[in-house]
Amino acid sequence: FMNSNAIAAKQKSDSAFMKRGVIFAMMSGVTYGLYTAFLTLGQASGIWGADWYGENEAGLSVFAITFILASLGSAINDTISGIWCLIVTGIKGELGDFFRVLKTKPGWVMIICALIGGPIASTCYVAALQLGGSVIVPVAALNSALGAIIGHFVFKQELNGRMILGILVCLFAAAVIGGTSFADLGPTALMGCGLALVCALGWGIEGAVAGFGTTLIDYQ
């Protein structure tokens, strides 16, 4: 009787956890869509559009315009995100846990994942948007499919039929969305798509490894 109660409680907990995960995933998709829209708008406004990406009165090199400005945009985004997370952690009274995690091996794994997903992947994403426009968005959105594949082969995580179907849907959606925009591709769009693929791989690694690292932190 006690075992059946424990099993029922575990199933209820797993179900609630999964529902929260799906809700957060949907919110992530919506907010990343808004992030992309506002980022594209920002690059076409103010000093970004009128000077750096326009007449370039500052005399910046192609490398500076493509990568250094992309790094600046990524840094602003990630810095604000980090500050927001610290505020939320402080409000919940968990700052002590944050500093405790920093001293653990899984904590350092999370930091490495943040470096891959932040300075590397996010910078590639901003640069890809500049070079390729909206056509790169479905390519970068493959990060969830890549993350699931990496988690399966590296960490032996389950990859059932439902997940495989989801991966196929992601690939099909990327092909459909991207295919309808190929007529608008410019000479730099191919490089943009390449950077978007690097971005997808970086975010996929971050999601798979950081997700696995979170379970290790919980066990510690």
Protein backbone atom coordinates (compact mmCIF):
# COMPACT_ATOMS: atom_id res chain seq x y z
CA PHE A 1 0.00 0.00 0.00
CA MET A 2 2.78 2.41 0.90
CA ASN A 3 4.64 1.54 -2.28
CA SER A 4 1.55 2.23 -4.40
CA ASN A 5 1.11 5.61 -2.67
CA ALA A 6 4.75 6.45 -3.28
CA ILE A 7 4.49 5.48 -6.93
CA ALA A 8 1.31 7.55 -7.35
CA ALA A 9 2.97 10.56 -5.69
CA LYS A 10 6.02 10.16 -7.94
CA GLN A 11 3.86 9.98 -11.06
CA LYS A 12 1.92 13.06 -9.97
CA SER A 13 5.17 14.94 -9.33
CA ASP A 14 6.60 13.92 -12.73
CA SER A 15 3.39 14.98 -14.49
CA ALA A 16 3.40 18.40 -12.81
CA PHE A 17 7.09 18.81 -13.58
CA MET A 18 6.50 17.97 -17.24
CA LYS A 19 3.60 20.42 -17.52
CA ARG A 20 5.73 23.19 -16.05
CA GLY A 21 8.51 22.29 -18.47
CA VAL A 22 6.17 22.51 -21.46
CA ILE A 23 4.82 25.87 -20.27
CA PHE A 24 8.31 27.27 -19.79
CA ALA A 25 9.34 25.93 -23.21
CA MET A 26 6.40 27.72 -24.85
CA MET A 27 7.21 30.92 -22.98
CA SER A 28 10.83 30.56 -24.10
CA GLY A 29 9.75 30.29 -27.74
CA VAL A 30 7.51 33.36 -27.49
CA THR A 31 10.10 35.49 -25.70
CA TYR A 32 12.89 34.46 -28.09
CA GLY A 33 10.63 35.46 -30.96
CA LEU A 34 10.11 38.86 -29.35
CA TYR A 35 13.85 39.08 -28.64
CA THR A 36 14.58 38.51 -32.33
CA ALA A 37 11.99 41.06 -33.43
CA PHE A 38 13.25 43.78 -31.09
CA LEU A 39 16.87 42.97 -31.89
CA THR A 40 16.20 43.32 -35.62
CA LEU A 41 14.39 46.61 -34.98
CA GLY A 42 17.25 47.86 -32.83
CA GLN A 43 19.83 47.10 -35.50
CA ALA A 44 17.88 49.25 -37.95
CA SER A 45 17.37 52.18 -35.57
CA GLY A 46 19.42 54.92 -33.98
CA ILE A 47 23.18 54.82 -34.23
CA TRP A 48 23.06 51.15 -35.24
CA GLY A 49 21.11 51.70 -38.42
CA ALA A 50 22.08 55.28 -39.26
CA ASP A 51 25.82 55.00 -38.68
CA TRP A 52 27.33 51.59 -38.00
CA TYR A 53 25.11 49.59 -40.36
CA GLY A 54 24.33 52.58 -42.60
CA GLU A 55 26.77 55.25 -43.77
CA ASN A 56 29.41 53.99 -41.32
CA GLU A 57 30.73 57.47 -40.54
CA ALA A 58 32.82 55.94 -37.77
CA GLY A 59 34.88 54.08 -40.40
CA LEU A 60 34.48 50.68 -38.77
CA SER A 61 35.91 47.63 -40.51
CA VAL A 62 33.74 44.82 -41.86
CA PHE A 63 34.96 42.59 -39.02
CA ALA A 64 34.00 45.20 -36.41
CA ILE A 65 30.54 45.72 -37.88
CA THR A 66 29.89 42.00 -38.23
CA PHE A 67 31.32 40.57 -35.02
CA ILE A 68 32.25 43.30 -32.52
CA LEU A 69 28.88 45.02 -32.74
CA ALA A 70 27.20 41.62 -32.56
CA SER A 71 29.19 40.91 -29.39
CA LEU A 72 28.04 44.25 -27.99
CA GLY A 73 24.39 43.42 -28.66
CA SER A 74 24.81 39.95 -27.16
CA ALA A 75 26.61 41.34 -24.11
CA ILE A 76 23.82 43.81 -23.39
CA ASN A 77 21.23 41.03 -23.61
CA ASP A 78 23.11 38.52 -21.46
CA THR A 79 24.15 41.10 -18.85
CA ILE A 80 20.58 42.24 -18.32
CA SER A 81 19.44 38.60 -18.19
CA GLY A 82 22.07 37.81 -15.55
CA ILE A 83 21.10 40.82 -13.43
CA TRP A 84 17.42 39.84 -13.67
CA CYS A 85 18.19 36.26 -12.60
CA LEU A 86 20.18 37.50 -9.60
CA ILE A 87 17.30 39.77 -8.58
CA VAL A 88 14.81 36.89 -8.78
CA THR A 89 17.21 34.62 -6.86
CA GLY A 90 17.64 37.27 -4.18
CA ILE A 91 13.88 37.78 -3.83
CA LYS A 92 13.42 34.03 -3.37
CA GLY A 93 16.19 34.00 -0.76
CA GLU A 94 18.41 31.61 -2.72
CA LEU A 95 21.55 33.72 -3.23
CA GLY A 96 23.36 31.47 -0.77
CA ASP A 97 22.59 28.46 -2.95
CA PHE A 98 23.89 30.35 -5.97
CA PHE A 99 27.31 30.93 -4.38
CA ARG A 100 27.37 27.36 -3.04
CA VAL A 101 26.81 25.97 -6.53
CA LEU A 102 29.72 28.02 -7.88
CA LYS A 103 32.08 25.92 -5.74
CA THR A 104 30.93 22.62 -7.23
CA LYS A 105 32.04 20.80 -10.39
CA PRO A 106 28.52 20.87 -11.89
CA GLY A 107 28.50 24.61 -11.20
CA TRP A 108 31.63 25.08 -13.31
CA VAL A 109 30.04 22.94 -16.01
CA MET A 110 27.10 25.36 -16.00
CA ILE A 111 29.49 28.31 -16.33
CA ILE A 112 31.16 26.69 -19.35
CA CYS A 113 27.72 26.08 -20.86
CA ALA A 114 26.86 29.73 -20.29
CA LEU A 115 30.01 30.77 -22.13
CA ILE A 116 29.07 28.52 -25.05
CA GLY A 117 25.46 29.70 -25.13
CA GLY A 118 26.25 33.35 -24.41
CA PRO A 119 29.38 34.93 -25.90
CA ILE A 120 29.68 32.30 -28.65
CA ALA A 121 26.16 31.28 -29.68
CA SER A 122 24.42 34.59 -28.98
CA THR A 123 27.08 36.58 -30.81
CA CYS A 124 26.73 34.26 -33.80
CA TYR A 125 22.96 34.76 -33.66
CA VAL A 126 23.17 38.55 -33.72
CA ALA A 127 25.76 38.47 -36.51
CA ALA A 128 23.66 35.96 -38.46
CA LEU A 129 20.61 38.22 -38.19
CA GLN A 130 22.63 41.09 -39.59
CA LEU A 131 24.04 39.02 -42.47
CA GLY A 132 21.08 36.84 -43.40
CA GLY A 133 18.00 38.51 -41.98
CA SER A 134 14.96 36.55 -40.84
CA VAL A 135 15.89 33.50 -42.95
CA ILE A 136 18.40 32.46 -40.28
CA VAL A 137 15.77 32.21 -37.52
CA PRO A 138 14.53 28.68 -38.37
CA VAL A 139 18.13 27.50 -38.68
CA ALA A 140 18.97 28.79 -35.19
CA ALA A 141 15.70 27.28 -33.91
CA LEU A 142 17.14 23.81 -34.56
CA ASN A 143 18.93 24.12 -31.20
CA SER A 144 16.20 22.17 -29.40
CA ALA A 145 16.46 19.26 -31.84
CA LEU A 146 20.26 19.29 -31.64
CA GLY A 147 20.09 19.44 -27.84
CA ALA A 148 17.86 16.36 -27.72
CA ILE A 149 20.18 14.45 -30.05
CA ILE A 150 23.28 15.45 -28.05
CA GLY A 151 21.59 14.48 -24.79
CA HIS A 152 20.73 11.07 -26.19
CA PHE A 153 24.16 10.16 -27.56
CA VAL A 154 26.34 11.84 -24.92
CA PHE A 155 24.29 11.36 -21.73
CA LYS A 156 22.22 8.34 -22.81
CA GLN A 157 18.99 10.23 -22.16
CA GLU A 158 15.72 8.79 -23.42
CA LEU A 159 14.73 9.62 -26.99
CA ASN A 160 11.30 8.06 -27.48
CA GLY A 161 8.97 8.19 -30.47
CA ARG A 162 7.29 11.39 -29.34
CA MET A 163 10.63 13.17 -29.05
CA ILE A 164 11.80 11.88 -32.43
CA LEU A 165 8.56 13.16 -33.96
CA GLY A 166 9.24 16.56 -32.37
CA ILE A 167 12.74 16.64 -33.86
CA LEU A 168 11.33 15.81 -37.30
CA VAL A 169 8.74 18.57 -36.92
CA CYS A 170 11.52 21.05 -36.06
CA LEU A 171 13.50 20.02 -39.14
CA PHE A 172 10.42 20.20 -41.38
CA ALA A 173 9.39 23.60 -39.99
CA ALA A 174 12.91 24.97 -40.50
CA ALA A 175 12.87 23.76 -44.12
CA VAL A 176 9.42 25.27 -44.79
CA ILE A 177 10.09 28.63 -43.13
CA GLY A 178 13.57 28.91 -44.60
CA GLY A 179 12.52 27.71 -48.04
CA THR A 180 9.91 30.44 -48.39
CA SER A 181 12.58 33.08 -47.79
CA PHE A 182 15.37 31.91 -50.07
CA ALA A 183 14.22 34.28 -52.80
CA ASP A 184 15.23 37.18 -50.56
CA LEU A 185 18.71 35.88 -49.81
CA GLY A 186 21.56 38.30 -50.35
CA PRO A 187 25.26 37.61 -50.95
CA THR A 188 25.98 37.42 -47.20
CA ALA A 189 23.01 35.19 -46.35
CA LEU A 190 24.94 31.94 -46.71
CA MET A 191 27.46 33.08 -44.11
CA GLY A 192 24.55 34.14 -41.93
CA CYS A 193 23.02 30.67 -42.19
CA GLY A 194 26.39 29.14 -41.28
CA LEU A 195 26.64 31.34 -38.17
CA ALA A 196 23.04 30.45 -37.31
CA LEU A 197 23.96 26.77 -37.44
CA VAL A 198 26.90 27.42 -35.10
CA CYS A 199 24.44 29.25 -32.85
CA ALA A 200 22.01 26.30 -32.92
CA LEU A 201 24.81 23.89 -32.04
CA GLY A 202 25.99 26.13 -29.19
CA TRP A 203 22.52 26.49 -27.72
CA GLY A 204 21.94 22.76 -28.21
CA ILE A 205 25.11 21.95 -26.26
CA GLU A 206 24.15 24.45 -23.58
CA GLY A 207 20.67 22.96 -23.20
CA ALA A 208 21.80 19.34 -23.12
CA VAL A 209 24.86 19.74 -20.88
CA ALA A 210 23.37 22.37 -18.56
CA GLY A 211 20.19 20.32 -18.17
CA PHE A 212 22.24 17.28 -17.21
CA GLY A 213 24.39 19.44 -14.91
CA THR A 214 21.28 20.68 -13.12
CA THR A 215 20.36 17.11 -12.13
CA LEU A 216 23.88 16.65 -10.72
CA ILE A 217 23.50 19.83 -8.65
CA ASP A 218 20.19 18.58 -7.30
CA TYR A 219 21.82 15.31 -6.22
CA GLN A 220 24.61 17.18 -4.44
